[in-house]
């Protein structure tokens, strides 16, 4: 089962300047452009500066 809903994953983009799409690599989301990783807590991605792995 997916941690993040398909609808949410479709619209999410990396908050960094290059704005890449995100893919799931449980337990995190990974930017397909820069490789930045974002934690997912209770089905919601944590995408604040200094708050991800």
Protein backbone atom coordinates (compact mmCIF):
# COMPACT_ATOMS: atom_id res chain seq x y z
CA UNK A 1 0.00 0.00 0.00
CA UNK A 2 1.24 3.47 -0.89
CA UNK A 3 2.14 5.90 1.89
CA UNK A 4 1.14 8.94 -0.21
CA UNK A 5 -2.08 9.00 -2.24
CA UNK A 6 -1.65 8.76 -6.01
CA UNK A 7 -3.53 12.05 -6.47
CA UNK A 8 -1.20 13.90 -4.09
CA UNK A 9 1.92 12.36 -5.60
CA UNK A 10 0.75 13.50 -9.05
CA UNK A 11 0.76 17.20 -8.05
CA UNK A 12 3.72 17.32 -5.64
CA UNK A 13 6.99 18.84 -6.82
CA UNK A 14 10.33 19.28 -5.08
CA UNK A 15 10.42 22.68 -3.36
CA UNK A 16 14.01 23.29 -4.51
CA UNK A 17 14.69 25.60 -7.45
CA UNK A 18 14.55 22.82 -10.08
CA UNK A 19 11.00 21.66 -9.09
CA UNK A 20 11.34 18.01 -10.07
CA UNK A 21 8.58 15.43 -9.74
CA UNK A 22 8.69 13.14 -6.73
CA UNK A 23 8.71 9.35 -6.70
CA UNK A 24 8.09 7.02 -3.80
CA UNK A 25 11.01 5.12 -2.34
CA UNK A 26 9.41 4.10 0.96
CA UNK A 27 9.66 5.45 3.55
CA UNK A 28 10.58 8.67 1.69
CA UNK A 29 9.80 10.63 -1.48
CA UNK A 30 12.73 11.33 -3.79
CA UNK A 31 13.05 14.17 -6.31
CA UNK A 32 13.59 12.75 -9.79
CA UNK A 33 15.77 15.75 -10.72
CA UNK A 34 18.04 16.56 -7.76
CA UNK A 35 17.67 13.39 -5.63
CA UNK A 36 16.59 15.27 -2.49
CA UNK A 37 14.73 12.97 -0.08
CA UNK A 38 11.63 13.90 1.95
CA UNK A 39 10.22 11.95 4.89
CA UNK A 40 6.59 10.83 4.86
CA UNK A 41 4.85 10.90 8.24
CA UNK A 42 1.31 9.53 8.56
CA UNK A 43 0.86 9.74 4.78
CA UNK A 44 1.95 13.38 4.53
CA UNK A 45 5.32 14.43 3.08
CA UNK A 46 7.52 16.68 5.24
CA UNK A 47 8.93 19.19 2.75
CA UNK A 48 10.14 22.01 4.98
CA UNK A 49 13.78 23.08 4.93
CA UNK A 50 15.74 21.29 7.63
CA UNK A 51 12.91 18.84 8.33
CA UNK A 52 13.76 15.98 5.95
CA UNK A 53 16.30 13.19 5.76
